[in-house]
PDB file of N, CA and C in Angstrom:
ATOM      1  N   MET A   1       1.101 -12.961  -8.630  1.00  0.00           N
ATOM      2  CA  MET A   1       0.962 -12.471  -7.706  1.00  0.00           C
ATOM      3  C   MET A   1       2.223 -12.058  -6.895  1.00  0.00           C
ATOM      4  N   GLU A   2       3.136 -13.022  -6.696  1.00  0.00           N
ATOM      5  CA  GLU A   2       4.267 -13.002  -5.415  1.00  0.00           C
ATOM      6  C   GLU A   2       5.661 -12.317  -6.362  1.00  0.00           C
ATOM      7  N   THR A   3       5.342 -12.443  -7.372  1.00  0.00           N
ATOM      8  CA  THR A   3       6.646 -12.047  -8.482  1.00  0.00           C
ATOM      9  C   THR A   3       6.538 -10.529  -8.324  1.00  0.00           C
ATOM     10  N   LEU A   4       5.005  -9.982  -8.268  1.00  0.00           N
ATOM     11  CA  LEU A   4       4.973  -8.585  -8.102  1.00  0.00           C
ATOM     12  C   LEU A   4       5.378  -7.632  -6.526  1.00  0.00           C
ATOM     13  N   ARG A   5       4.816  -9.034  -5.832  1.00  0.00           N
ATOM     14  CA  ARG A   5       5.452  -8.240  -4.418  1.00  0.00           C
ATOM     15  C   ARG A   5       6.590  -8.269  -4.185  1.00  0.00           C
ATOM     16  N   HIS A   6       7.448  -8.928  -5.121  1.00  0.00           N
ATOM     17  CA  HIS A   6       8.697  -8.874  -4.929  1.00  0.00           C
ATOM     18  C   HIS A   6       9.241  -7.834  -5.879  1.00  0.00           C
ATOM     19  N   ILE A   7       8.811  -7.443  -6.879  1.00  0.00           N
ATOM     20  CA  ILE A   7       8.925  -6.503  -7.414  1.00  0.00           C
ATOM     21  C   ILE A   7       8.937  -4.929  -6.519  1.00  0.00           C
ATOM     22  N   VAL A   8       7.823  -5.128  -5.607  1.00  0.00           N
ATOM     23  CA  VAL A   8       6.977  -3.832  -5.029  1.00  0.00           C
ATOM     24  C   VAL A   8       8.089  -3.809  -3.960  1.00  0.00           C
ATOM     25  N   LEU A   9       8.547  -4.934  -3.150  1.00  0.00           N
ATOM     26  CA  LEU A   9       9.712  -4.809  -1.964  1.00  0.00           C
ATOM     27  C   LEU A   9      10.856  -4.296  -2.579  1.00  0.00           C
ATOM     28  N   PHE A  10      11.272  -4.531  -3.528  1.00  0.00           N
ATOM     29  CA  PHE A  10      12.591  -4.390  -4.450  1.00  0.00           C
ATOM     30  C   PHE A  10      12.508  -2.803  -4.565  1.00  0.00           C
ATOM     31  N   ILE A  11      11.541  -2.381  -5.179  1.00  0.00           N
ATOM     32  CA  ILE A  11      11.499  -0.519  -5.008  1.00  0.00           C
ATOM     33  C   ILE A  11      11.234  -0.113  -3.899  1.00  0.00           C
ATOM     34  N   HIS A  12      10.739  -0.859  -2.689  1.00  0.00           N
ATOM     35  CA  HIS A  12      10.870  -0.160  -1.199  1.00  0.00           C
ATOM     36  C   HIS A  12      12.190   0.105  -1.245  1.00  0.00           C
ATOM     37  N   LEU A  13      12.588  -1.103  -1.829  1.00  0.00           N
ATOM     38  CA  LEU A  13      14.277  -0.997  -0.820  1.00  0.00           C
ATOM     39  C   LEU A  13      15.144  -0.122  -1.629  1.00  0.00           C
ATOM     40  N   ILE A  14      14.970   0.027  -2.621  1.00  0.00           N
ATOM     41  CA  ILE A  14      15.551   1.009  -3.702  1.00  0.00           C
ATOM     42  C   ILE A  14      15.112   2.340  -2.979  1.00  0.00           C
ATOM     43  N   GLY A  15      13.856   2.640  -2.903  1.00  0.00           N
ATOM     44  CA  GLY A  15      13.459   3.948  -1.706  1.00  0.00           C
ATOM     45  C   GLY A  15      14.509   4.525  -0.870  1.00  0.00           C
ATOM     46  N   PHE A  16      14.099   3.270   0.663  1.00  0.00           N
ATOM     47  CA  PHE A  16      15.614   3.157   1.577  1.00  0.00           C
ATOM     48  C   PHE A  16      16.798   3.896   1.119  1.00  0.00           C
ATOM     49  N   ALA A  17      17.208   2.445   0.364  1.00  0.00           N
ATOM     50  CA  ALA A  17      18.541   3.285  -0.283  1.00  0.00           C
ATOM     51  C   ALA A  17      19.408   4.369  -0.545  1.00  0.00           C
ATOM     52  N   VAL A  18      17.947   5.181  -1.701  1.00  0.00           N
ATOM     53  CA  VAL A  18      18.232   6.509  -1.923  1.00  0.00           C
ATOM     54  C   VAL A  18      18.426   7.536  -0.800  1.00  0.00           C
ATOM     55  N   LEU A  19      17.524   6.967  -0.002  1.00  0.00           N
ATOM     56  CA  LEU A  19      17.351   8.049   1.317  1.00  0.00           C
ATOM     57  C   LEU A  19      18.081   8.259   2.095  1.00  0.00           C
ATOM     58  N   PHE A  20      18.692   6.657   2.617  1.00  0.00           N
ATOM     59  CA  PHE A  20      20.271   6.647   3.603  1.00  0.00           C
ATOM     60  C   PHE A  20      21.246   7.132   2.752  1.00  0.00           C
ATOM     61  N   GLY A  21      21.204   6.597   1.568  1.00  0.00           N
ATOM     62  CA  GLY A  21      22.150   7.071   0.478  1.00  0.00           C
ATOM     63  C   GLY A  21      23.039   8.487   0.552  1.00  0.00           C
ATOM     64  N   SER A  22      21.985   9.408   0.045  1.00  0.00           N
ATOM     65  CA  SER A  22      22.262  10.623  -0.008  1.00  0.00           C
ATOM     66  C   SER A  22      21.872  11.205   1.367  1.00  0.00           C
ATOM     67  N   TRP A  23      21.174  10.793   2.240  1.00  0.00           N
ATOM     68  CA  TRP A  23      22.051  11.514   3.834  1.00  0.00           C
ATOM     69  C   TRP A  23      23.362  11.287   4.068  1.00  0.00           C
ATOM     70  N   ALA A  24      23.624   9.417   3.732  1.00  0.00           N
ATOM     71  CA  ALA A  24      24.977   9.446   3.873  1.00  0.00           C
ATOM     72  C   ALA A  24      26.359  10.455   3.473  1.00  0.00           C
ATOM     73  N   VAL A  25      25.816  10.667   2.193  1.00  0.00           N
ATOM     74  CA  VAL A  25      26.760  11.900   1.424  1.00  0.00           C
ATOM     75  C   VAL A  25      26.755  12.767   2.086  1.00  0.00           C
ATOM     76  N   GLN A  26      25.738  13.270   2.580  1.00  0.00           N
ATOM     77  CA  GLN A  26      25.735  14.727   3.190  1.00  0.00           C
ATOM     78  C   GLN A  26      26.093  14.710   4.856  1.00  0.00           C
ATOM     79  N   ALA A  27      26.331  13.484   5.644  1.00  0.00           N
ATOM     80  CA  ALA A  27      26.896  12.992   6.685  1.00  0.00           C
ATOM     81  C   ALA A  27      28.262  13.583   6.506  1.00  0.00           C
ATOM     82  N   PHE A  28      28.979  12.843   5.592  1.00  0.00           N
ATOM     83  CA  PHE A  28      30.435  12.181   5.122  1.00  0.00           C
ATOM     84  C   PHE A  28      31.128  13.093   4.511  1.00  0.00           C
ATOM     85  N   GLY A  29      30.405  13.944   3.809  1.00  0.00           N
ATOM     86  CA  GLY A  29      30.869  14.645   2.424  1.00  0.00           C
ATOM     87  C   GLY A  29      31.211  16.208   3.192  1.00  0.00           C
ATOM     88  N   GLY A  30      30.269  16.697   4.903  1.00  0.00           N
ATOM     89  CA  GLY A  30      30.945  17.567   4.957  1.00  0.00           C
ATOM     90  C   GLY A  30      29.548  19.176   4.913  1.00  0.00           C
ATOM     91  N   ALA A  31      28.806  19.093   4.252  1.00  0.00           N
ATOM     92  CA  ALA A  31      27.954  19.807   3.923  1.00  0.00           C
ATOM     93  C   ALA A  31      26.362  20.061   4.985  1.00  0.00           C
ATOM     94  N   ARG A  32      26.032  19.126   5.223  1.00  0.00           N
ATOM     95  CA  ARG A  32      25.279  18.096   6.014  1.00  0.00           C
ATOM     96  C   ARG A  32      23.793  19.120   5.904  1.00  0.00           C
ATOM     97  N   GLU A  33      23.584  18.856   4.651  1.00  0.00           N
ATOM     98  CA  GLU A  33      22.146  19.720   4.349  1.00  0.00           C
ATOM     99  C   GLU A  33      21.304  18.690   3.930  1.00  0.00           C
ATOM    100  N   ILE A  34      19.739  18.725   3.644  1.00  0.00           N
ATOM    101  CA  ILE A  34      18.618  18.203   3.375  1.00  0.00           C
ATOM    102  C   ILE A  34      18.388  18.310   1.855  1.00  0.00           C
ATOM    103  N   THR A  35      18.863  17.604   1.299  1.00  0.00           N
ATOM    104  CA  THR A  35      18.319  17.845  -0.213  1.00  0.00           C
ATOM    105  C   THR A  35      17.329  16.783  -0.870  1.00  0.00           C
ATOM    106  N   ARG A  36      16.916  17.076  -2.067  1.00  0.00           N
ATOM    107  CA  ARG A  36      15.880  16.852  -2.628  1.00  0.00           C
ATOM    108  C   ARG A  36      15.749  15.261  -2.807  1.00  0.00           C
ATOM    109  N   LEU A  37      16.766  14.772  -3.176  1.00  0.00           N
ATOM    110  CA  LEU A  37      17.297  13.495  -3.360  1.00  0.00           C
ATOM    111  C   LEU A  37      16.369  13.131  -2.264  1.00  0.00           C
ATOM    112  N   MET A  38      16.939  12.770  -1.179  1.00  0.00           N
ATOM    113  CA  MET A  38      16.219  12.710  -0.035  1.00  0.00           C
ATOM    114  C   MET A  38      14.788  12.511  -0.194  1.00  0.00           C
ATOM    115  N   HIS A  39      14.066  13.292  -0.006  1.00  0.00           N
ATOM    116  CA  HIS A  39      12.742  13.551  -0.379  1.00  0.00           C
ATOM    117  C   HIS A  39      11.915  12.672  -1.675  1.00  0.00           C
ATOM    118  N   VAL A  40      13.237  12.307  -2.097  1.00  0.00           N
ATOM    119  CA  VAL A  40      12.788  11.778  -3.403  1.00  0.00           C
ATOM    120  C   VAL A  40      12.343  10.088  -2.908  1.00  0.00           C
ATOM    121  N   GLY A  41      13.326  10.108  -2.186  1.00  0.00           N
ATOM    122  CA  GLY A  41      13.507   8.678  -1.587  1.00  0.00           C
ATOM    123  C   GLY A  41      12.609   7.966  -0.810  1.00  0.00           C
ATOM    124  N   ILE A  42      12.325   9.179   0.486  1.00  0.00           N
ATOM    125  CA  ILE A  42      11.285   8.827   1.206  1.00  0.00           C
ATOM    126  C   ILE A  42       9.949   8.869   0.354  1.00  0.00           C
ATOM    127  N   SER A  43       9.660   9.736  -0.520  1.00  0.00           N
ATOM    128  CA  SER A  43       8.570   8.966  -1.305  1.00  0.00           C
ATOM    129  C   SER A  43       8.777   7.482  -1.461  1.00  0.00           C
ATOM    130  N   ILE A  44       9.500   7.288  -2.246  1.00  0.00           N
ATOM    131  CA  ILE A  44       9.460   6.214  -2.926  1.00  0.00           C
ATOM    132  C   ILE A  44       9.234   5.269  -1.973  1.00  0.00           C
ATOM    133  N   ALA A  45      10.126   4.857  -1.094  1.00  0.00           N
ATOM    134  CA  ALA A  45       9.949   4.054   0.415  1.00  0.00           C
ATOM    135  C   ALA A  45       8.297   4.247   0.850  1.00  0.00           C
ATOM    136  N   ALA A  46       7.753   5.241   0.696  1.00  0.00           N
ATOM    137  CA  ALA A  46       6.512   5.280   1.696  1.00  0.00           C
ATOM    138  C   ALA A  46       5.518   5.026   0.249  1.00  0.00           C
ATOM    139  N   VAL A  47       5.408   5.102  -0.975  1.00  0.00           N
ATOM    140  CA  VAL A  47       4.673   4.635  -1.266  1.00  0.00           C
ATOM    141  C   VAL A  47       4.806   2.960  -1.609  1.00  0.00           C
ATOM    142  N   ALA A  48       5.689   2.813  -1.774  1.00  0.00           N
ATOM    143  CA  ALA A  48       6.099   1.350  -2.060  1.00  0.00           C
ATOM    144  C   ALA A  48       5.697   0.684  -1.160  1.00  0.00           C
ATOM    145  N   GLY A  49       6.031   0.896   0.549  1.00  0.00           N
ATOM    146  CA  GLY A  49       5.853   0.357   1.499  1.00  0.00           C
ATOM    147  C   GLY A  49       4.471   0.484   1.922  1.00  0.00           C
ATOM    148  N   LEU A  50       3.608   1.543   1.935  1.00  0.00           N
ATOM    149  CA  LEU A  50       1.968   1.432   1.649  1.00  0.00           C
ATOM    150  C   LEU A  50       1.627   0.377   0.662  1.00  0.00           C
ATOM    151  N   ALA A  51       2.033   0.194  -0.295  1.00  0.00           N
ATOM    152  CA  ALA A  51       1.496  -0.687  -1.373  1.00  0.00           C
ATOM    153  C   ALA A  51       1.735  -2.081  -0.832  1.00  0.00           C
ATOM    154  N   LEU A  52       2.677  -2.220  -0.515  1.00  0.00           N
ATOM    155  CA  LEU A  52       3.466  -3.663   0.849  1.00  0.00           C
ATOM    156  C   LEU A  52       2.564  -3.765   1.607  1.00  0.00           C
ATOM    157  N   ALA A  53       1.885  -2.930   2.404  1.00  0.00           N
ATOM    158  CA  ALA A  53       1.148  -3.159   3.729  1.00  0.00           C
ATOM    159  C   ALA A  53       0.207  -3.602   3.338  1.00  0.00           C
ATOM    160  N   ALA A  54      -0.503  -3.502   1.806  1.00  0.00           N
ATOM    161  CA  ALA A  54      -2.156  -4.164   1.262  1.00  0.00           C
ATOM    162  C   ALA A  54      -1.532  -5.619   1.621  1.00  0.00           C
ATOM    163  N   PRO A  55      -3.130  -6.213   1.676  1.00  0.00           N
ATOM    164  CA  PRO A  55      -3.213  -7.304   1.890  1.00  0.00           C
ATOM    165  C   PRO A  55      -3.047  -8.603   0.862  1.00  0.00           C
ATOM    166  N   TRP A  56      -2.177  -8.345  -0.436  1.00  0.00           N
ATOM    167  CA  TRP A  56      -2.445  -8.771  -1.182  1.00  0.00           C
ATOM    168  C   TRP A  56      -0.719  -9.879  -1.656  1.00  0.00           C
ATOM    169  N   GLY A  57      -1.347 -10.625  -2.448  1.00  0.00           N
ATOM    170  CA  GLY A  57       0.197 -11.366  -2.831  1.00  0.00           C
ATOM    171  C   GLY A  57       0.693 -12.343  -1.609  1.00  0.00           C
ATOM    172  N   LEU A  58      -0.137 -12.275  -0.512  1.00  0.00           N
ATOM    173  CA  LEU A  58       0.531 -12.932   0.304  1.00  0.00           C
ATOM    174  C   LEU A  58       0.236 -14.569   0.280  1.00  0.00           C
ATOM    175  N   PRO A  59       1.539 -15.370   0.492  1.00  0.00           N
ATOM    176  CA  PRO A  59       1.241 -16.468   0.674  1.00  0.00           C
ATOM    177  C   PRO A  59       0.089 -17.099   1.103  1.00  0.00           C
ATOM    178  N   ASP A  60      -0.733 -18.427   1.305  1.00  0.00           N
ATOM    179  CA  ASP A  60      -1.578 -19.114   1.900  1.00  0.00           C
ATOM    180  C   ASP A  60      -1.060 -19.335   3.213  1.00  0.00           C
ATOM    181  N   GLY A  61      -2.102 -18.355   4.146  1.00  0.00           N
ATOM    182  CA  GLY A  61      -1.599 -18.695   5.942  1.00  0.00           C
ATOM    183  C   GLY A  61      -0.637 -17.686   6.209  1.00  0.00           C
ATOM    184  N   ALA A  62      -0.159 -16.863   5.450  1.00  0.00           N
ATOM    185  CA  ALA A  62       0.298 -15.798   5.843  1.00  0.00           C
ATOM    186  C   ALA A  62      -0.503 -14.491   6.304  1.00  0.00           C
ATOM    187  N   GLU A  63       0.196 -13.992   7.363  1.00  0.00           N
ATOM    188  CA  GLU A  63      -0.775 -12.402   8.331  1.00  0.00           C
ATOM    189  C   GLU A  63       0.296 -11.689   8.744  1.00  0.00           C
ATOM    190  N   MET A  64      -0.678 -10.600   8.047  1.00  0.00           N
ATOM    191  CA  MET A  64      -0.181  -9.429   8.161  1.00  0.00           C
ATOM    192  C   MET A  64       0.219  -8.576   9.680  1.00  0.00           C
ATOM    193  N   ASN A  65       1.498  -8.234  10.288  1.00  0.00           N
ATOM    194  CA  ASN A  65       2.150  -7.764  11.210  1.00  0.00           C
ATOM    195  C   ASN A  65       1.481  -6.079  11.532  1.00  0.00           C
ATOM    196  N   TYR A  66       0.553  -5.968  12.034  1.00  0.00           N
ATOM    197  CA  TYR A  66      -0.393  -4.898  12.054  1.00  0.00           C
ATOM    198  C   TYR A  66       0.609  -3.724  12.781  1.00  0.00           C
ATOM    199  N   ALA A  67       1.256  -3.807  13.769  1.00  0.00           N
ATOM    200  CA  ALA A  67       1.796  -3.265  14.917  1.00  0.00           C
ATOM    201  C   ALA A  67       3.373  -2.659  13.837  1.00  0.00           C
ATOM    202  N   LYS A  68       3.702  -3.836  13.092  1.00  0.00           N
ATOM    203  CA  LYS A  68       4.873  -3.310  12.997  1.00  0.00           C
ATOM    204  C   LYS A  68       4.477  -2.557  11.739  1.00  0.00           C
ATOM    205  N   ILE A  69       3.443  -2.701  10.803  1.00  0.00           N
ATOM    206  CA  ILE A  69       3.166  -1.517  10.018  1.00  0.00           C
ATOM    207  C   ILE A  69       2.766  -0.098  10.548  1.00  0.00           C
ATOM    208  N   GLY A  70       2.309  -0.028  11.799  1.00  0.00           N
ATOM    209  CA  GLY A  70       1.803   0.896  12.162  1.00  0.00           C
ATOM    210  C   GLY A  70       2.862   1.568  12.964  1.00  0.00           C
ATOM    211  N   THR A  71       4.276   1.225  13.479  1.00  0.00           N
ATOM    212  CA  THR A  71       4.924   1.513  13.710  1.00  0.00           C
ATOM    213  C   THR A  71       6.048   1.979  12.922  1.00  0.00           C
ATOM    214  N   LYS A  72       6.373   0.952  11.827  1.00  0.00           N
ATOM    215  CA  LYS A  72       6.895   1.932  10.558  1.00  0.00           C
ATOM    216  C   LYS A  72       6.598   3.009   9.804  1.00  0.00           C
ATOM    217  N   LEU A  73       5.214   2.829   9.940  1.00  0.00           N
ATOM    218  CA  LEU A  73       4.322   4.286   9.381  1.00  0.00           C
ATOM    219  C   LEU A  73       4.527   5.558  10.089  1.00  0.00           C
ATOM    220  N   VAL A  74       4.606   5.441  11.866  1.00  0.00           N
ATOM    221  CA  VAL A  74       4.890   6.508  12.119  1.00  0.00           C
ATOM    222  C   VAL A  74       6.633   6.965  12.188  1.00  0.00           C
ATOM    223  N   VAL A  75       7.451   5.676  12.348  1.00  0.00           N
ATOM    224  CA  VAL A  75       8.242   6.482  12.446  1.00  0.00           C
ATOM    225  C   VAL A  75       8.653   6.690  10.590  1.00  0.00           C
ATOM    226  N   LEU A  76       7.666   6.323   9.534  1.00  0.00           N
ATOM    227  CA  LEU A  76       7.956   7.122   8.280  1.00  0.00           C
ATOM    228  C   LEU A  76       7.915   8.625   8.813  1.00  0.00           C
ATOM    229  N   LEU A  77       6.140   8.424   9.010  1.00  0.00           N
ATOM    230  CA  LEU A  77       5.926  10.352   9.240  1.00  0.00           C
ATOM    231  C   LEU A  77       7.232  11.304  10.133  1.00  0.00           C
ATOM    232  N   VAL A  78       7.521  10.482  11.263  1.00  0.00           N
ATOM    233  CA  VAL A  78       8.428  11.655  12.049  1.00  0.00           C
ATOM    234  C   VAL A  78       9.543  11.558  10.822  1.00  0.00           C
ATOM    235  N   ILE A  79       9.946  10.697  10.253  1.00  0.00           N
ATOM    236  CA  ILE A  79      11.284  10.912   9.455  1.00  0.00           C
ATOM    237  C   ILE A  79      11.093  12.538   8.470  1.00  0.00           C
ATOM    238  N   GLY A  80       9.644  12.128   7.420  1.00  0.00           N
ATOM    239  CA  GLY A  80       9.191  13.332   6.856  1.00  0.00           C
ATOM    240  C   GLY A  80       9.002  14.538   6.994  1.00  0.00           C
ATOM    241  N   ALA A  81       8.552  14.587   8.908  1.00  0.00           N
ATOM    242  CA  ALA A  81       8.709  15.762   9.163  1.00  0.00           C
ATOM    243  C   ALA A  81       9.567  16.849   9.394  1.00  0.00           C
ATOM    244  N   PHE A  82      10.307  15.685   9.890  1.00  0.00           N
ATOM    245  CA  PHE A  82      11.910  16.327  10.067  1.00  0.00           C
ATOM    246  C   PHE A  82      12.815  16.968   8.775  1.00  0.00           C
ATOM    247  N   LEU A  83      12.677  15.886   7.277  1.00  0.00           N
ATOM    248  CA  LEU A  83      13.043  16.623   6.265  1.00  0.00           C
ATOM    249  C   LEU A  83      12.212  17.769   6.110  1.00  0.00           C
ATOM    250  N   GLY A  84      11.183  17.799   6.228  1.00  0.00           N
ATOM    251  CA  GLY A  84       9.997  19.172   5.686  1.00  0.00           C
ATOM    252  C   GLY A  84      11.038  20.489   6.655  1.00  0.00           C
ATOM    253  N   ILE A  85      11.452  20.310   8.165  1.00  0.00           N
ATOM    254  CA  ILE A  85      11.658  21.118   9.177  1.00  0.00           C
ATOM    255  C   ILE A  85      12.702  21.631   8.412  1.00  0.00           C
ATOM    256  N   GLY A  86      13.509  20.593   8.844  1.00  0.00           N
ATOM    257  CA  GLY A  86      14.707  20.470   8.191  1.00  0.00           C
ATOM    258  C   GLY A  86      14.812  21.881   6.694  1.00  0.00           C
ATOM    259  N   GLN A  87      14.258  21.406   6.347  1.00  0.00           N
ATOM    260  CA  GLN A  87      14.183  21.720   4.811  1.00  0.00           C
ATOM    261  C   GLN A  87      13.977  23.482   4.962  1.00  0.00           C
ATOM    262  N   ALA A  88      12.601  23.837   5.157  1.00  0.00           N
ATOM    263  CA  ALA A  88      12.601  24.790   5.734  1.00  0.00           C
ATOM    264  C   ALA A  88      13.142  25.635   6.558  1.00  0.00           C
ATOM    265  N   ARG A  89      14.073  25.319   7.548  1.00  0.00           N
ATOM    266  CA  ARG A  89      15.060  25.801   8.405  1.00  0.00           C
ATOM    267  C   ARG A  89      16.313  26.185   7.655  1.00  0.00           C
ATOM    268  N   GLN A  90      16.566  25.406   6.352  1.00  0.00           N
ATOM    269  CA  GLN A  90      17.957  25.352   5.911  1.00  0.00           C
ATOM    270  C   GLN A  90      17.616  26.801   4.636  1.00  0.00           C
ATOM    271  N   ARG A  91      16.237  26.724   4.672  1.00  0.00           N
ATOM    272  CA  ARG A  91      15.940  27.937   3.578  1.00  0.00           C
ATOM    273  C   ARG A  91      15.940  29.295   4.351  1.00  0.00           C
ATOM    274  N   LYS A  92      15.241  29.399   5.393  1.00  0.00           N
ATOM    275  CA  LYS A  92      15.502  30.314   6.191  1.00  0.00           C
ATOM    276  C   LYS A  92      16.642  30.596   7.004  1.00  0.00           C
ATOM    277  N   ALA A  93      17.123  30.119   7.515  1.00  0.00           N
ATOM    278  CA  ALA A  93      18.326  30.158   8.462  1.00  0.00           C
ATOM    279  C   ALA A  93      19.834  29.879   7.314  1.00  0.00           C
ATOM    280  N   GLY A  94      19.757  29.266   6.575  1.00  0.00           N
ATOM    281  CA  GLY A  94      20.825  28.959   5.882  1.00  0.00           C
ATOM    282  C   GLY A  94      21.763  27.102   6.295  1.00  0.00           C
ATOM    283  N   GLY A  95      21.051  26.542   7.648  1.00  0.00           N
ATOM    284  CA  GLY A  95      21.512  25.435   7.822  1.00  0.00           C
ATOM    285  C   GLY A  95      20.725  24.456   8.238  1.00  0.00           C
ATOM    286  N   VAL A  96      20.379  23.430   8.323  1.00  0.00           N
ATOM    287  CA  VAL A  96      19.731  22.694   9.595  1.00  0.00           C
ATOM    288  C   VAL A  96      20.236  22.185  10.942  1.00  0.00           C
ATOM    289  N   PRO A  97      19.524  22.296  11.706  1.00  0.00           N
ATOM    290  CA  PRO A  97      19.998  21.784  13.052  1.00  0.00           C
ATOM    291  C   PRO A  97      20.067  20.392  13.162  1.00  0.00           C
ATOM    292  N   PRO A  98      21.490  20.406  13.323  1.00  0.00           N
ATOM    293  CA  PRO A  98      21.489  19.109  13.856  1.00  0.00           C
ATOM    294  C   PRO A  98      20.830  17.856  14.468  1.00  0.00           C
ATOM    295  N   VAL A  99      19.906  18.177  15.381  1.00  0.00           N
ATOM    296  CA  VAL A  99      19.082  16.811  15.814  1.00  0.00           C
ATOM    297  C   VAL A  99      18.324  16.361  14.725  1.00  0.00           C
ATOM    298  N   LEU A 100      17.646  17.483  13.496  1.00  0.00           N
ATOM    299  CA  LEU A 100      16.993  17.327  12.665  1.00  0.00           C
ATOM    300  C   LEU A 100      17.424  16.401  11.380  1.00  0.00           C
ATOM    301  N   PHE A 101      18.914  16.966  11.399  1.00  0.00           N
ATOM    302  CA  PHE A 101      19.808  16.088  10.336  1.00  0.00           C
ATOM    303  C   PHE A 101      20.433  14.726  11.079  1.00  0.00           C
ATOM    304  N   TRP A 102      20.307  14.685  11.854  1.00  0.00           N
ATOM    305  CA  TRP A 102      20.975  13.754  12.385  1.00  0.00           C
ATOM    306  C   TRP A 102      20.156  12.563  12.613  1.00  0.00           C
ATOM    307  N   GLY A 103      18.645  13.220  13.158  1.00  0.00           N
ATOM    308  CA  GLY A 103      17.783  12.358  13.366  1.00  0.00           C
ATOM    309  C   GLY A 103      17.018  11.894  12.125  1.00  0.00           C
ATOM    310  N   VAL A 104      17.180  12.343  11.193  1.00  0.00           N
ATOM    311  CA  VAL A 104      16.798  11.453   9.880  1.00  0.00           C
ATOM    312  C   VAL A 104      17.453  10.246   9.338  1.00  0.00           C
ATOM    313  N   GLY A 105      18.709  10.354   9.574  1.00  0.00           N
ATOM    314  CA  GLY A 105      19.702   9.051   9.799  1.00  0.00           C
ATOM    315  C   GLY A 105      19.934   8.184  10.642  1.00  0.00           C
ATOM    316  N   VAL A 106      19.938   8.297  11.478  1.00  0.00           N
ATOM    317  CA  VAL A 106      19.018   7.310  13.115  1.00  0.00           C
ATOM    318  C   VAL A 106      17.537   6.688  12.795  1.00  0.00           C
ATOM    319  N   LEU A 107      16.645   8.164  12.472  1.00  0.00           N
ATOM    320  CA  LEU A 107      15.576   6.820  12.446  1.00  0.00           C
ATOM    321  C   LEU A 107      15.236   6.349  11.002  1.00  0.00           C
ATOM    322  N   THR A 108      16.172   6.827   9.697  1.00  0.00           N
ATOM    323  CA  THR A 108      16.043   5.721   9.211  1.00  0.00           C
ATOM    324  C   THR A 108      15.980   4.383   8.944  1.00  0.00           C
ATOM    325  N   LEU A 109      17.439   4.148  10.092  1.00  0.00           N
ATOM    326  CA  LEU A 109      17.785   2.879  10.246  1.00  0.00           C
ATOM    327  C   LEU A 109      17.296   2.392  11.432  1.00  0.00           C
ATOM    328  N   VAL A 110      16.685   3.255  11.986  1.00  0.00           N
ATOM    329  CA  VAL A 110      15.537   2.832  13.006  1.00  0.00           C
ATOM    330  C   VAL A 110      14.838   1.466  12.268  1.00  0.00           C
ATOM    331  N   ASN A 111      14.546   2.431  11.305  1.00  0.00           N
ATOM    332  CA  ASN A 111      13.150   1.674  10.195  1.00  0.00           C
ATOM    333  C   ASN A 111      13.540   0.154   9.961  1.00  0.00           C
ATOM    334  N   ALA A 112      14.847   0.225   9.313  1.00  0.00           N
ATOM    335  CA  ALA A 112      14.796  -0.772   8.728  1.00  0.00           C
ATOM    336  C   ALA A 112      15.171  -1.559   9.412  1.00  0.00           C
ATOM    337  N   GLY A 113      15.519  -1.668  10.933  1.00  0.00           N
ATOM    338  CA  GLY A 113      16.357  -2.145  11.853  1.00  0.00           C
ATOM    339  C   GLY A 113      14.724  -2.912  11.998  1.00  0.00           C
ATOM    340  N   ILE A 114      13.556  -2.306  12.320  1.00  0.00           N
ATOM    341  CA  ILE A 114      12.616  -2.610  12.178  1.00  0.00           C
ATOM    342  C   ILE A 114      11.892  -4.015  11.631  1.00  0.00           C
ATOM    343  N   ALA A 115      11.893  -3.461  10.156  1.00  0.00           N
ATOM    344  CA  ALA A 115      12.089  -4.216   9.129  1.00  0.00           C
ATOM    345  C   ALA A 115      12.274  -5.650   8.935  1.00  0.00           C
ATOM    346  N   VAL A 116      13.722  -5.556   9.681  1.00  0.00           N
ATOM    347  CA  VAL A 116      14.785  -6.518   9.840  1.00  0.00           C
ATOM    348  C   VAL A 116      14.521  -7.671  11.020  1.00  0.00           C
ATOM    349  N   LEU A 117      14.418  -7.332  11.898  1.00  0.00           N
ATOM    350  CA  LEU A 117      14.428  -7.506  12.936  1.00  0.00           C
ATOM    351  C   LEU A 117      13.215  -8.039  13.552  1.00  0.00           C
ATOM    352  N   TRP A 118      11.837  -6.958  13.710  1.00  0.00           N
ATOM    353  CA  TRP A 118      10.776  -7.325  14.017  1.00  0.00           C
ATOM    354  C   TRP A 118       9.967  -8.593  13.184  1.00  0.00           C
TER     355      TRP A 118
END
């Protein structure tokens, strides 16, 4: 069971890497657009993260940190909202507002930092 949990954690990290990597390509490549790959990355990270939040496959005596899980979920929802709103504005006006675009990258790093440092 622990091996399965590690596989799900690996998939979760892949989702983060896809989201942040596709954002970084857009941020430093000049286009600064919301791409479909960002939506794919957040979807992978969200599904795997929710699977990791379930209390299965934990070593004996380990407890879940529900405050951390809740905080990460709220940040994930805000990132998803930024992606959705940014995508809609991009279609309508031809560009993403800088606050939304940069917010996606900063909040993605914040979410990773919460995972590692908390």
